[in-house]
């Protein structure tokens, strides 16, 4: 006789269509930050500055 048994888990019953996902408006602070980032990107592109990723030194 087995010491334990596994329960058979049945899949969830379908309840109909899934409700549409509501897209939340972005916060005012996030919008302001986006404007600052866009302005900075445009300035750096105009100057021709290229940013390179920093490489971590291996010890």
PDB file of N, CA and C in Angstrom:
ATOM      1  N   UNK A   1       0.845  -1.171   0.000  1.00  0.00           N
ATOM      2  CA  UNK A   1       0.000   0.000   0.000  1.00  0.00           C
ATOM      3  C   UNK A   1       0.897   1.244   0.000  1.00  0.00           C
ATOM      4  N   UNK A   2       0.631   2.218  -0.892  1.00  0.00           N
ATOM      5  CA  UNK A   2       1.503   3.387  -0.961  1.00  0.00           C
ATOM      6  C   UNK A   2       1.377   4.262   0.299  1.00  0.00           C
ATOM      7  N   UNK A   3       2.491   4.928   0.634  1.00  0.00           N
ATOM      8  CA  UNK A   3       2.506   5.782   1.817  1.00  0.00           C
ATOM      9  C   UNK A   3       1.775   7.101   1.555  1.00  0.00           C
ATOM     10  N   UNK A   4       1.747   7.534   0.312  1.00  0.00           N
ATOM     11  CA  UNK A   4       1.040   8.772  -0.022  1.00  0.00           C
ATOM     12  C   UNK A   4       0.521   8.671  -1.444  1.00  0.00           C
ATOM     13  N   UNK A   5      -0.402   9.547  -1.778  1.00  0.00           N
ATOM     14  CA  UNK A   5      -0.951   9.577  -3.127  1.00  0.00           C
ATOM     15  C   UNK A   5      -0.986  11.021  -3.624  1.00  0.00           C
ATOM     16  N   UNK A   6      -1.028  11.163  -4.924  1.00  0.00           N
ATOM     17  CA  UNK A   6      -1.106  12.482  -5.528  1.00  0.00           C
ATOM     18  C   UNK A   6      -2.556  12.778  -5.893  1.00  0.00           C
ATOM     19  N   UNK A   7      -2.972  14.009  -5.663  1.00  0.00           N
ATOM     20  CA  UNK A   7      -4.314  14.394  -6.050  1.00  0.00           C
ATOM     21  C   UNK A   7      -4.312  14.760  -7.529  1.00  0.00           C
ATOM     22  N   UNK A   8      -5.360  14.373  -8.205  1.00  0.00           N
ATOM     23  CA  UNK A   8      -5.485  14.747  -9.600  1.00  0.00           C
ATOM     24  C   UNK A   8      -6.173  16.108  -9.648  1.00  0.00           C
ATOM     25  N   UNK A   9      -5.455  17.121 -10.175  1.00  0.00           N
ATOM     26  CA  UNK A   9      -5.989  18.472 -10.239  1.00  0.00           C
ATOM     27  C   UNK A   9      -6.607  18.673 -11.606  1.00  0.00           C
ATOM     28  N   UNK A  10      -7.882  18.994 -11.615  1.00  0.00           N
ATOM     29  CA  UNK A  10      -8.566  19.187 -12.891  1.00  0.00           C
ATOM     30  C   UNK A  10      -8.375  20.630 -13.355  1.00  0.00           C
ATOM     31  N   UNK A  11      -8.400  20.871 -14.661  1.00  0.00           N
ATOM     32  CA  UNK A  11      -8.237  22.230 -15.170  1.00  0.00           C
ATOM     33  C   UNK A  11      -9.413  23.101 -14.751  1.00  0.00           C
ATOM     34  N   UNK A  12      -9.196  24.414 -14.647  1.00  0.00           N
ATOM     35  CA  UNK A  12     -10.286  25.302 -14.231  1.00  0.00           C
ATOM     36  C   UNK A  12     -11.408  25.323 -15.265  1.00  0.00           C
ATOM     37  N   UNK A  13     -12.618  25.446 -14.771  1.00  0.00           N
ATOM     38  CA  UNK A  13     -13.774  25.469 -15.659  1.00  0.00           C
ATOM     39  C   UNK A  13     -13.807  26.792 -16.416  1.00  0.00           C
ATOM     40  N   UNK A  14     -14.166  26.730 -17.690  1.00  0.00           N
ATOM     41  CA  UNK A  14     -14.222  27.960 -18.474  1.00  0.00           C
ATOM     42  C   UNK A  14     -15.443  28.770 -18.040  1.00  0.00           C
ATOM     43  N   UNK A  15     -15.221  30.051 -17.823  1.00  0.00           N
ATOM     44  CA  UNK A  15     -16.283  30.924 -17.333  1.00  0.00           C
ATOM     45  C   UNK A  15     -16.733  31.915 -18.391  1.00  0.00           C
ATOM     46  N   UNK A  16     -16.298  31.776 -19.593  1.00  0.00           N
ATOM     47  CA  UNK A  16     -16.676  32.700 -20.648  1.00  0.00           C
ATOM     48  C   UNK A  16     -15.484  33.527 -21.074  1.00  0.00           C
ATOM     49  N   UNK A  17     -15.739  34.580 -21.846  1.00  0.00           N
ATOM     50  CA  UNK A  17     -14.631  35.396 -22.352  1.00  0.00           C
ATOM     51  C   UNK A  17     -13.944  36.187 -21.236  1.00  0.00           C
ATOM     52  N   UNK A  18     -12.672  36.433 -21.433  1.00  0.00           N
ATOM     53  CA  UNK A  18     -11.890  37.194 -20.469  1.00  0.00           C
ATOM     54  C   UNK A  18     -12.184  38.681 -20.669  1.00  0.00           C
ATOM     55  N   UNK A  19     -12.285  39.404 -19.574  1.00  0.00           N
ATOM     56  CA  UNK A  19     -12.585  40.831 -19.638  1.00  0.00           C
ATOM     57  C   UNK A  19     -11.419  41.573 -20.289  1.00  0.00           C
ATOM     58  N   UNK A  20     -11.696  42.628 -21.063  1.00  0.00           N
ATOM     59  CA  UNK A  20     -10.612  43.386 -21.713  1.00  0.00           C
ATOM     60  C   UNK A  20      -9.734  44.078 -20.676  1.00  0.00           C
ATOM     61  N   UNK A  21      -8.455  44.164 -20.986  1.00  0.00           N
ATOM     62  CA  UNK A  21      -7.498  44.788 -20.080  1.00  0.00           C
ATOM     63  C   UNK A  21      -7.569  46.299 -20.265  1.00  0.00           C
ATOM     64  N   UNK A  22      -7.732  47.006 -19.162  1.00  0.00           N
ATOM     65  CA  UNK A  22      -7.839  48.460 -19.208  1.00  0.00           C
ATOM     66  C   UNK A  22      -6.434  49.048 -19.132  1.00  0.00           C
ATOM     67  N   UNK A  23      -6.101  49.902 -20.098  1.00  0.00           N
ATOM     68  CA  UNK A  23      -4.793  50.546 -20.108  1.00  0.00           C
ATOM     69  C   UNK A  23      -4.874  51.798 -19.239  1.00  0.00           C
ATOM     70  N   UNK A  24      -4.020  51.848 -18.212  1.00  0.00           N
ATOM     71  CA  UNK A  24      -4.036  52.991 -17.306  1.00  0.00           C
ATOM     72  C   UNK A  24      -3.266  54.146 -17.919  1.00  0.00           C
ATOM     73  N   UNK A  25      -3.713  55.364 -17.601  1.00  0.00           N
ATOM     74  CA  UNK A  25      -2.997  56.537 -18.065  1.00  0.00           C
ATOM     75  C   UNK A  25      -1.700  56.651 -17.285  1.00  0.00           C
ATOM     76  N   UNK A  26      -0.665  57.130 -17.950  1.00  0.00           N
ATOM     77  CA  UNK A  26       0.614  57.283 -17.292  1.00  0.00           C
ATOM     78  C   UNK A  26       0.555  58.494 -16.382  1.00  0.00           C
ATOM     79  N   UNK A  27       1.294  58.438 -15.293  1.00  0.00           N
ATOM     80  CA  UNK A  27       1.298  59.528 -14.341  1.00  0.00           C
ATOM     81  C   UNK A  27       1.941  60.779 -14.901  1.00  0.00           C
ATOM     82  N   UNK A  28       1.620  61.896 -14.274  1.00  0.00           N
ATOM     83  CA  UNK A  28       2.141  63.182 -14.724  1.00  0.00           C
ATOM     84  C   UNK A  28       3.652  63.211 -14.594  1.00  0.00           C
ATOM     85  N   UNK A  29       4.180  62.663 -13.510  1.00  0.00           N
ATOM     86  CA  UNK A  29       5.634  62.677 -13.291  1.00  0.00           C
ATOM     87  C   UNK A  29       6.339  61.871 -14.369  1.00  0.00           C
ATOM     88  N   UNK A  30       5.765  60.744 -14.738  1.00  0.00           N
ATOM     89  CA  UNK A  30       6.363  59.907 -15.780  1.00  0.00           C
ATOM     90  C   UNK A  30       6.360  60.647 -17.109  1.00  0.00           C
ATOM     91  N   UNK A  31       5.295  61.371 -17.405  1.00  0.00           N
ATOM     92  CA  UNK A  31       5.231  62.136 -18.647  1.00  0.00           C
ATOM     93  C   UNK A  31       6.298  63.229 -18.681  1.00  0.00           C
ATOM     94  N   UNK A  32       6.491  63.908 -17.536  1.00  0.00           N
ATOM     95  CA  UNK A  32       7.512  64.954 -17.461  1.00  0.00           C
ATOM     96  C   UNK A  32       8.896  64.351 -17.662  1.00  0.00           C
ATOM     97  N   UNK A  33       9.160  63.210 -17.019  1.00  0.00           N
ATOM     98  CA  UNK A  33      10.455  62.550 -17.174  1.00  0.00           C
ATOM     99  C   UNK A  33      10.680  62.127 -18.622  1.00  0.00           C
ATOM    100  N   UNK A  34       9.639  61.653 -19.291  1.00  0.00           N
ATOM    101  CA  UNK A  34       9.766  61.273 -20.697  1.00  0.00           C
ATOM    102  C   UNK A  34      10.160  62.465 -21.555  1.00  0.00           C
ATOM    103  N   UNK A  35       9.591  63.623 -21.251  1.00  0.00           N
ATOM    104  CA  UNK A  35       9.937  64.824 -22.014  1.00  0.00           C
ATOM    105  C   UNK A  35      11.402  65.193 -21.816  1.00  0.00           C
ATOM    106  N   UNK A  36      11.885  65.107 -20.570  1.00  0.00           N
ATOM    107  CA  UNK A  36      13.289  65.406 -20.304  1.00  0.00           C
ATOM    108  C   UNK A  36      14.213  64.445 -21.043  1.00  0.00           C
ATOM    109  N   UNK A  37      13.860  63.170 -21.022  1.00  0.00           N
ATOM    110  CA  UNK A  37      14.684  62.154 -21.698  1.00  0.00           C
ATOM    111  C   UNK A  37      14.697  62.393 -23.197  1.00  0.00           C
ATOM    112  N   UNK A  38      13.527  62.682 -23.771  1.00  0.00           N
ATOM    113  CA  UNK A  38      13.470  62.950 -25.212  1.00  0.00           C
ATOM    114  C   UNK A  38      14.332  64.149 -25.587  1.00  0.00           C
ATOM    115  N   UNK A  39      14.258  65.202 -24.783  1.00  0.00           N
ATOM    116  CA  UNK A  39      15.055  66.398 -25.070  1.00  0.00           C
ATOM    117  C   UNK A  39      16.543  66.086 -24.993  1.00  0.00           C
ATOM    118  N   UNK A  40      16.938  65.297 -23.999  1.00  0.00           N
ATOM    119  CA  UNK A  40      18.356  64.967 -23.845  1.00  0.00           C
ATOM    120  C   UNK A  40      18.843  64.107 -25.002  1.00  0.00           C
ATOM    121  N   UNK A  41      18.027  63.159 -25.420  1.00  0.00           N
ATOM    122  CA  UNK A  41      18.410  62.289 -26.538  1.00  0.00           C
ATOM    123  C   UNK A  41      18.591  63.115 -27.807  1.00  0.00           C
ATOM    124  N   UNK A  42      17.689  64.052 -28.038  1.00  0.00           N
ATOM    125  CA  UNK A  42      17.799  64.892 -29.232  1.00  0.00           C
ATOM    126  C   UNK A  42      19.067  65.740 -29.198  1.00  0.00           C
ATOM    127  N   UNK A  43      19.411  66.285 -28.003  1.00  0.00           N
ATOM    128  CA  UNK A  43      20.628  67.102 -27.888  1.00  0.00           C
ATOM    129  C   UNK A  43      21.869  66.265 -28.159  1.00  0.00           C
ATOM    130  N   UNK A  44      21.932  65.049 -27.590  1.00  0.00           N
ATOM    131  CA  UNK A  44      23.122  64.214 -27.776  1.00  0.00           C
ATOM    132  C   UNK A  44      23.247  63.750 -29.221  1.00  0.00           C
ATOM    133  N   UNK A  45      22.109  63.475 -29.870  1.00  0.00           N
ATOM    134  CA  UNK A  45      22.167  63.087 -31.282  1.00  0.00           C
ATOM    135  C   UNK A  45      22.651  64.250 -32.140  1.00  0.00           C
ATOM    136  N   UNK A  46      22.238  65.459 -31.785  1.00  0.00           N
ATOM    137  CA  UNK A  46      22.656  66.629 -32.549  1.00  0.00           C
ATOM    138  C   UNK A  46      24.156  66.866 -32.410  1.00  0.00           C
ATOM    139  N   UNK A  47      24.715  66.561 -31.232  1.00  0.00           N
ATOM    140  CA  UNK A  47      26.149  66.738 -31.008  1.00  0.00           C
ATOM    141  C   UNK A  47      26.963  65.609 -31.622  1.00  0.00           C
ATOM    142  N   UNK A  48      26.333  64.502 -31.884  1.00  0.00           N
ATOM    143  CA  UNK A  48      27.041  63.361 -32.452  1.00  0.00           C
ATOM    144  C   UNK A  48      27.753  62.529 -31.396  1.00  0.00           C
ATOM    145  N   UNK A  49      27.298  62.613 -30.159  1.00  0.00           N
ATOM    146  CA  UNK A  49      27.926  61.873 -29.062  1.00  0.00           C
ATOM    147  C   UNK A  49      27.421  60.441 -29.099  1.00  0.00           C
ATOM    148  N   UNK A  50      28.341  59.500 -28.959  1.00  0.00           N
ATOM    149  CA  UNK A  50      27.986  58.085 -28.936  1.00  0.00           C
ATOM    150  C   UNK A  50      28.310  57.539 -27.552  1.00  0.00           C
ATOM    151  N   UNK A  51      27.314  56.963 -26.915  1.00  0.00           N
ATOM    152  CA  UNK A  51      27.525  56.367 -25.598  1.00  0.00           C
ATOM    153  C   UNK A  51      27.876  54.899 -25.766  1.00  0.00           C
ATOM    154  N   UNK A  52      28.865  54.473 -25.037  1.00  0.00           N
ATOM    155  CA  UNK A  52      29.262  53.062 -25.063  1.00  0.00           C
ATOM    156  C   UNK A  52      28.975  52.450 -23.705  1.00  0.00           C
ATOM    157  N   UNK A  53      28.583  51.208 -23.721  1.00  0.00           N
ATOM    158  CA  UNK A  53      28.288  50.516 -22.472  1.00  0.00           C
ATOM    159  C   UNK A  53      29.586  50.280 -21.707  1.00  0.00           C
ATOM    160  N   UNK A  54      29.516  50.483 -20.403  1.00  0.00           N
ATOM    161  CA  UNK A  54      30.696  50.252 -19.568  1.00  0.00           C
ATOM    162  C   UNK A  54      30.870  48.756 -19.374  1.00  0.00           C
ATOM    163  N   UNK A  55      32.107  48.308 -19.492  1.00  0.00           N
ATOM    164  CA  UNK A  55      32.390  46.899 -19.288  1.00  0.00           C
ATOM    165  C   UNK A  55      32.908  46.695 -17.885  1.00  0.00           C
ATOM    166  N   UNK A  56      32.412  45.651 -17.236  1.00  0.00           N
ATOM    167  CA  UNK A  56      32.857  45.340 -15.881  1.00  0.00           C
ATOM    168  C   UNK A  56      34.207  44.641 -15.958  1.00  0.00           C
ATOM    169  N   UNK A  57      35.088  45.004 -15.039  1.00  0.00           N
ATOM    170  CA  UNK A  57      36.404  44.364 -14.992  1.00  0.00           C
ATOM    171  C   UNK A  57      36.286  43.038 -14.250  1.00  0.00           C
ATOM    172  N   UNK A  58      36.919  42.043 -14.790  1.00  0.00           N
ATOM    173  CA  UNK A  58      36.926  40.756 -14.122  1.00  0.00           C
ATOM    174  C   UNK A  58      38.076  40.713 -13.131  1.00  0.00           C
ATOM    175  N   UNK A  59      37.793  40.158 -11.977  1.00  0.00           N
ATOM    176  CA  UNK A  59      38.815  40.106 -10.915  1.00  0.00           C
ATOM    177  C   UNK A  59      39.635  38.856 -11.036  1.00  0.00           C
TER     178      UNK A  59
END
